[in-house]
Amino acid sequence: MLKATLEQWRMFKAVVDAGGFNQAAQRVHKSQSTVHHAVHKLEAALGVTLFENDGRRVKLTDAGSLMLRRASFLLEEAQKLEAVAASLQHGVETQLKVAVDIIMPAEMLYRALSAVSEEYPLLRIEIMETVLSGANDLMQQGDVDIAISPFPLHNGFSEELCEIDLLLVAHPEHPLHHLGRDISVEDLKSHRQIVVRDSSTERRTDAGWLGAEQRWTVSHSRTSIDMLERGLGYAWLPVAMIQNSLANNRLAPLALPKGGRRSALLNLSFSDGDRLGPAARAFIGELRFQSMQMPGTRMTIADNN
């Protein structure tokens, strides 16, 4: 039989997070005596001292620090368990939140969304467009159900969804197209590169930056395309995103002897498969299917879960 209850662990963590018993009582809407009693019972049941006085404040003992790590995990798992129960109780979820990196082919996303909406017409879908680390940040913060990102999710489930081809391009009249020879790295450094800003608030990644002395940073690839079509620089862009610009001669690939084309993996991630409802699972299935159908992408893994 367990010696401690989840409520006691919750009071213990509240004291740590709030910085004291009085502050914790306000946070959990309990009396100070109730919080203090819960922590005292926890210490007595475990036979260890969790807090010690430090002037007017309390601080964790070494044992308390160890217990905090375990308690945090325990409480997170309890929250997940309740979330799973809630999804089972309600059946089909009413809302689906998805973070999508902007390099994902729009047609692939739209077809998956359309198919899921036909199957679940009352489902509200919220799409958050992100860049580089942004999708995984939203997933880690619990703001989305599914993330599609160039990077795998370290604390959760990730599978390689598809591979995206990118080209280094500029307007046909850009000086780099008229050198009369292959373009060198030094040539690129002397001209302006347009870079899309990482939307993560925690990590900043400079994927594809070639060290150009002139660098304009924007928040979306659409802005980058508009700038490039006006001859204002060069940039890496997904082939699927610039097909019309290439066909209409508004953009052209730069003539590098090597390295003018690269690829990026898109990863499909979620934190806990047990918490996904039927609509989310259907959306994942549609993404896998569409990734095999779309030109300009290559399916890497279709690992059903």
Protein backbone atom coordinates (compact mmCIF):
# COMPACT_ATOMS: atom_id res chain seq x y z
CA MET A 1 0.00 0.00 0.00
CA LEU A 2 1.31 3.46 -0.89
CA LYS A 3 2.50 5.60 2.02
CA ALA A 4 1.83 8.94 0.28
CA THR A 5 -1.04 10.35 -1.74
CA LEU A 6 -0.96 12.34 -4.97
CA GLU A 7 -2.45 15.28 -3.10
CA GLN A 8 0.46 15.29 -0.66
CA TRP A 9 2.93 15.22 -3.52
CA ARG A 10 1.01 18.06 -5.15
CA MET A 11 1.25 20.16 -1.98
CA PHE A 12 4.97 19.39 -1.73
CA LYS A 13 5.62 20.54 -5.30
CA ALA A 14 3.44 23.60 -4.81
CA VAL A 15 5.64 24.72 -1.89
CA VAL A 16 8.74 24.33 -4.08
CA ASP A 17 7.23 26.12 -7.07
CA ALA A 18 5.78 28.97 -5.01
CA GLY A 19 8.80 29.39 -2.76
CA GLY A 20 7.07 28.90 0.59
CA PHE A 21 4.05 27.52 2.43
CA ASN A 22 2.06 30.75 2.44
CA GLN A 23 2.60 31.36 -1.26
CA ALA A 24 1.76 27.73 -2.04
CA ALA A 25 -1.49 28.00 -0.08
CA GLN A 26 -2.54 30.96 -2.22
CA ARG A 27 -1.61 29.14 -5.41
CA VAL A 28 -3.58 25.95 -4.64
CA HIS A 29 -6.41 27.78 -2.85
CA LYS A 30 -5.88 25.99 0.45
CA SER A 31 -5.11 27.27 3.94
CA GLN A 32 -1.48 27.45 4.98
CA SER A 33 -2.13 24.94 7.75
CA THR A 34 -3.58 22.48 5.23
CA VAL A 35 -0.51 22.69 3.02
CA HIS A 36 1.85 22.45 5.98
CA HIS A 37 -0.04 19.46 7.38
CA ALA A 38 0.08 17.64 4.01
CA VAL A 39 3.85 18.11 3.69
CA HIS A 40 4.42 17.11 7.34
CA LYS A 41 2.41 13.89 6.82
CA LEU A 42 4.42 13.20 3.66
CA GLU A 43 7.71 13.58 5.53
CA ALA A 44 6.46 11.36 8.33
CA ALA A 45 5.25 8.67 5.94
CA LEU A 46 8.52 8.64 4.00
CA GLY A 47 10.79 9.03 7.01
CA VAL A 48 12.81 11.84 5.38
CA THR A 49 13.04 15.59 5.81
CA LEU A 50 12.08 17.42 2.62
CA PHE A 51 12.53 21.05 3.69
CA GLU A 52 14.77 22.97 6.05
CA ASN A 53 14.55 26.54 7.28
CA ASP A 54 16.74 29.17 5.67
CA GLY A 55 16.00 32.33 7.58
CA ARG A 56 12.41 33.25 6.79
CA ARG A 57 12.34 30.92 3.80
CA VAL A 58 12.37 27.18 3.38
CA LYS A 59 14.64 25.31 1.03
CA LEU A 60 14.86 21.74 -0.15
CA THR A 61 17.13 19.28 1.56
CA ASP A 62 19.23 16.94 -0.60
CA ALA A 63 16.56 14.29 -0.10
CA GLY A 64 13.90 16.84 -1.02
CA SER A 65 15.68 17.66 -4.28
CA LEU A 66 15.75 14.00 -5.22
CA MET A 67 12.10 13.56 -4.32
CA LEU A 68 11.15 16.65 -6.32
CA ARG A 69 12.40 15.13 -9.57
CA ARG A 70 10.45 11.95 -8.92
CA ALA A 71 7.36 13.81 -7.75
CA SER A 72 7.34 16.03 -10.85
CA PHE A 73 7.37 12.95 -13.07
CA LEU A 74 4.66 11.29 -10.99
CA LEU A 75 2.36 14.33 -11.18
CA GLU A 76 2.93 14.73 -14.93
CA GLU A 77 2.00 11.09 -15.49
CA ALA A 78 -1.11 11.53 -13.34
CA GLN A 79 -2.15 14.50 -15.47
CA LYS A 80 -1.59 12.46 -18.63
CA LEU A 81 -3.68 9.62 -17.19
CA GLU A 82 -6.56 12.01 -16.49
CA ALA A 83 -6.24 13.47 -20.00
CA VAL A 84 -6.48 9.99 -21.50
CA ALA A 85 -9.57 9.29 -19.38
CA ALA A 86 -11.11 12.56 -20.52
CA SER A 87 -10.56 11.72 -24.17
CA LEU A 88 -12.12 8.29 -23.64
CA GLN A 89 -15.08 9.88 -21.89
CA HIS A 90 -15.76 12.39 -24.65
CA GLY A 91 -15.04 10.04 -27.54
CA VAL A 92 -14.14 12.10 -30.60
CA GLU A 93 -12.24 15.26 -29.75
CA THR A 94 -13.75 18.60 -30.76
CA GLN A 95 -10.48 20.41 -31.43
CA LEU A 96 -7.15 19.58 -33.03
CA LYS A 97 -4.10 21.84 -32.78
CA VAL A 98 -1.22 21.27 -35.18
CA ALA A 99 2.12 23.08 -35.49
CA VAL A 100 3.41 22.92 -39.07
CA ASP A 101 6.77 24.07 -40.36
CA ILE A 102 6.36 26.43 -43.31
CA ILE A 103 8.49 24.26 -45.61
CA MET A 104 5.79 21.57 -45.60
CA PRO A 105 4.10 21.40 -49.03
CA ALA A 106 0.82 23.26 -48.68
CA GLU A 107 -1.09 20.90 -50.97
CA MET A 108 -0.09 17.92 -48.85
CA LEU A 109 -1.34 19.63 -45.70
CA TYR A 110 -4.57 20.88 -47.30
CA ARG A 111 -5.51 17.45 -48.64
CA ALA A 112 -4.96 15.85 -45.23
CA LEU A 113 -7.01 18.57 -43.52
CA SER A 114 -9.82 18.26 -46.06
CA ALA A 115 -10.05 14.48 -45.69
CA VAL A 116 -10.17 14.66 -41.88
CA SER A 117 -12.76 17.45 -41.95
CA GLU A 118 -15.01 15.36 -44.18
CA GLU A 119 -14.79 12.47 -41.73
CA TYR A 120 -15.17 14.71 -38.65
CA PRO A 121 -17.19 17.75 -39.80
CA LEU A 122 -17.56 19.21 -36.27
CA LEU A 123 -13.82 19.14 -35.60
CA ARG A 124 -12.23 22.58 -35.09
CA ILE A 125 -8.69 22.64 -36.43
CA GLU A 126 -6.07 25.22 -35.50
CA ILE A 127 -2.90 25.39 -37.62
CA MET A 128 0.13 27.22 -36.22
CA GLU A 129 2.77 27.99 -38.84
CA THR A 130 6.29 27.72 -37.48
CA VAL A 131 9.93 27.85 -38.58
CA LEU A 132 12.72 25.41 -37.66
CA SER A 133 12.52 24.72 -33.87
CA GLY A 134 9.17 26.47 -33.41
CA ALA A 135 6.88 23.45 -33.89
CA ASN A 136 8.68 21.35 -31.30
CA ASP A 137 8.69 24.27 -28.87
CA LEU A 138 4.90 24.45 -29.06
CA MET A 139 4.70 20.70 -28.55
CA GLN A 140 6.99 20.81 -25.51
CA GLN A 141 4.85 23.59 -24.03
CA GLY A 142 1.70 21.52 -24.51
CA ASP A 143 0.16 24.05 -26.91
CA VAL A 144 -0.40 21.61 -29.80
CA ASP A 145 -1.37 17.98 -30.27
CA ILE A 146 0.83 17.26 -33.28
CA ALA A 147 4.02 18.87 -34.59
CA ILE A 148 5.54 18.70 -38.07
CA SER A 149 9.13 19.88 -37.77
CA PRO A 150 12.58 19.58 -39.41
CA PHE A 151 13.80 18.24 -36.05
CA PRO A 152 12.70 15.12 -34.12
CA LEU A 153 11.01 15.56 -30.75
CA HIS A 154 13.33 14.35 -28.00
CA ASN A 155 10.70 13.87 -25.28
CA GLY A 156 7.97 12.08 -27.19
CA PHE A 157 7.33 10.12 -30.36
CA SER A 158 8.79 11.12 -33.73
CA GLU A 159 8.83 9.50 -37.13
CA GLU A 160 10.36 10.71 -40.37
CA LEU A 161 7.41 11.79 -42.49
CA CYS A 162 8.97 12.91 -45.77
CA GLU A 163 11.97 14.59 -47.34
CA ILE A 164 11.66 18.07 -48.83
CA ASP A 165 13.86 19.27 -51.72
CA LEU A 166 15.20 22.83 -51.51
CA LEU A 167 16.93 24.98 -54.13
CA LEU A 168 19.21 27.98 -53.82
CA VAL A 169 17.52 30.54 -56.06
CA ALA A 170 17.49 34.19 -57.10
CA HIS A 171 15.78 36.37 -59.71
CA PRO A 172 17.11 35.61 -63.25
CA GLU A 173 18.49 39.17 -63.47
CA HIS A 174 20.34 38.93 -60.15
CA PRO A 175 24.10 39.57 -60.60
CA LEU A 176 24.93 36.05 -59.40
CA HIS A 177 23.31 34.67 -62.57
CA HIS A 178 25.58 36.75 -64.81
CA LEU A 179 29.08 35.98 -63.57
CA GLY A 180 29.85 33.86 -66.63
CA ARG A 181 31.22 31.04 -64.44
CA ASP A 182 30.28 28.75 -61.61
CA ILE A 183 29.33 30.55 -58.42
CA SER A 184 31.72 30.20 -55.49
CA VAL A 185 31.03 30.43 -51.78
CA GLU A 186 32.89 33.74 -51.74
CA ASP A 187 30.53 35.07 -54.41
CA LEU A 188 27.57 34.15 -52.21
CA LYS A 189 29.10 35.84 -49.19
CA SER A 190 29.36 39.14 -51.08
CA HIS A 191 25.63 39.24 -51.88
CA ARG A 192 22.53 39.51 -49.72
CA GLN A 193 20.93 36.32 -48.44
CA ILE A 194 17.32 36.23 -47.30
CA VAL A 195 16.90 34.01 -44.23
CA VAL A 196 13.69 32.95 -42.49
CA ARG A 197 13.74 33.50 -38.72
CA ASP A 198 13.49 30.53 -36.36
CA SER A 199 10.11 30.91 -34.61
CA SER A 200 11.35 29.20 -31.45
CA THR A 201 11.51 31.40 -28.36
CA GLU A 202 14.17 29.20 -26.79
CA ARG A 203 16.51 28.12 -29.58
CA ARG A 204 17.67 29.97 -32.67
CA THR A 205 18.83 27.89 -35.62
CA ASP A 206 20.50 29.28 -38.75
CA ALA A 207 19.77 26.37 -41.11
CA GLY A 208 20.98 27.14 -44.64
CA TRP A 209 22.80 30.38 -43.86
CA LEU A 210 25.86 30.65 -46.12
CA GLY A 211 27.70 33.33 -44.20
CA ALA A 212 26.61 36.25 -46.37
CA GLU A 213 27.84 39.62 -45.11
CA GLN A 214 24.44 41.10 -46.01
CA ARG A 215 21.57 39.23 -44.42
CA TRP A 216 17.91 40.07 -44.25
CA THR A 217 15.86 37.99 -41.81
CA VAL A 218 12.13 37.59 -42.34
CA SER A 219 9.39 35.65 -40.56
CA HIS A 220 7.89 33.72 -43.47
CA SER A 221 8.99 32.10 -46.72
CA ARG A 222 6.29 34.01 -48.61
CA THR A 223 8.07 37.25 -47.73
CA SER A 224 11.34 35.73 -48.86
CA ILE A 225 9.85 34.77 -52.23
CA ASP A 226 8.45 38.27 -52.72
CA MET A 227 11.86 39.80 -52.01
CA LEU A 228 13.66 37.38 -54.32
CA GLU A 229 11.25 38.04 -57.19
CA ARG A 230 12.13 41.72 -56.83
CA GLY A 231 15.84 40.91 -57.18
CA LEU A 232 16.70 41.76 -53.57
CA GLY A 233 18.76 38.69 -52.74
CA TYR A 234 19.03 34.91 -52.86
CA ALA A 235 17.68 32.19 -50.56
CA TRP A 236 17.06 28.52 -49.96
CA LEU A 237 13.43 27.66 -50.72
CA PRO A 238 11.39 24.44 -50.98
CA VAL A 239 10.88 23.32 -54.58
CA ALA A 240 7.16 22.75 -54.01
CA MET A 241 6.77 26.35 -52.81
CA ILE A 242 8.43 27.99 -55.83
CA GLN A 243 7.24 25.83 -58.74
CA ASN A 244 5.19 28.67 -60.25
CA SER A 245 8.00 31.17 -59.79
CA LEU A 246 10.42 28.81 -61.54
CA ALA A 247 7.97 28.04 -64.37
CA ASN A 248 7.24 31.75 -64.94
CA ASN A 249 10.95 32.68 -64.88
CA ARG A 250 10.58 34.87 -61.78
CA LEU A 251 13.17 32.74 -59.99
CA ALA A 252 16.00 30.54 -61.24
CA PRO A 253 18.40 28.08 -59.52
CA LEU A 254 21.88 29.44 -58.93
CA ALA A 255 24.63 27.66 -60.87
CA LEU A 256 26.78 26.23 -58.12
CA PRO A 257 29.23 23.47 -59.07
CA LYS A 258 27.85 21.53 -56.09
CA GLY A 259 25.64 22.24 -53.13
CA GLY A 260 22.94 24.22 -54.95
CA ARG A 261 20.35 21.68 -53.94
CA ARG A 262 19.73 20.18 -50.53
CA SER A 263 17.02 18.31 -48.67
CA ALA A 264 15.35 18.57 -45.28
CA LEU A 265 13.51 15.90 -43.35
CA LEU A 266 10.11 16.66 -41.90
CA ASN A 267 9.29 14.79 -38.72
CA LEU A 268 5.80 13.97 -37.47
CA SER A 269 5.75 14.16 -33.67
CA PHE A 270 3.44 13.97 -30.68
CA SER A 271 4.07 13.69 -26.96
CA ASP A 272 1.77 10.82 -25.97
CA GLY A 273 -0.07 8.58 -28.43
CA ASP A 274 -2.56 7.44 -25.78
CA ARG A 275 -3.88 11.00 -25.53
CA LEU A 276 -4.62 11.32 -29.24
CA GLY A 277 -8.27 11.02 -30.17
CA PRO A 278 -9.65 9.36 -33.32
CA ALA A 279 -9.60 12.59 -35.32
CA ALA A 280 -5.92 13.20 -34.54
CA ARG A 281 -5.09 9.62 -35.48
CA ALA A 282 -7.03 10.00 -38.72
CA PHE A 283 -5.09 13.19 -39.51
CA ILE A 284 -1.79 11.39 -38.92
CA GLY A 285 -2.90 8.59 -41.23
CA GLU A 286 -3.84 11.10 -43.94
CA LEU A 287 -0.47 12.84 -43.63
CA ARG A 288 1.31 9.53 -44.13
CA PHE A 289 -0.83 8.75 -47.14
CA GLN A 290 -0.44 12.19 -48.72
CA SER A 291 3.33 12.17 -48.21
CA MET A 292 3.49 9.17 -50.53
CA GLN A 293 1.30 10.82 -53.18
CA MET A 294 2.82 14.31 -53.45
CA PRO A 295 5.50 15.08 -56.06
CA GLY A 296 8.63 16.74 -54.71
CA THR A 297 8.55 14.76 -51.46
CA ARG A 298 10.00 11.38 -50.61
CA MET A 299 8.48 9.11 -48.01
CA THR A 300 11.07 7.85 -45.56
CA ILE A 301 9.19 5.92 -42.87
CA ALA A 302 5.56 4.95 -42.53
CA ASP A 303 5.66 3.39 -39.10
CA ASN A 304 2.07 2.88 -38.00
CA ASN A 305 1.41 3.27 -34.31
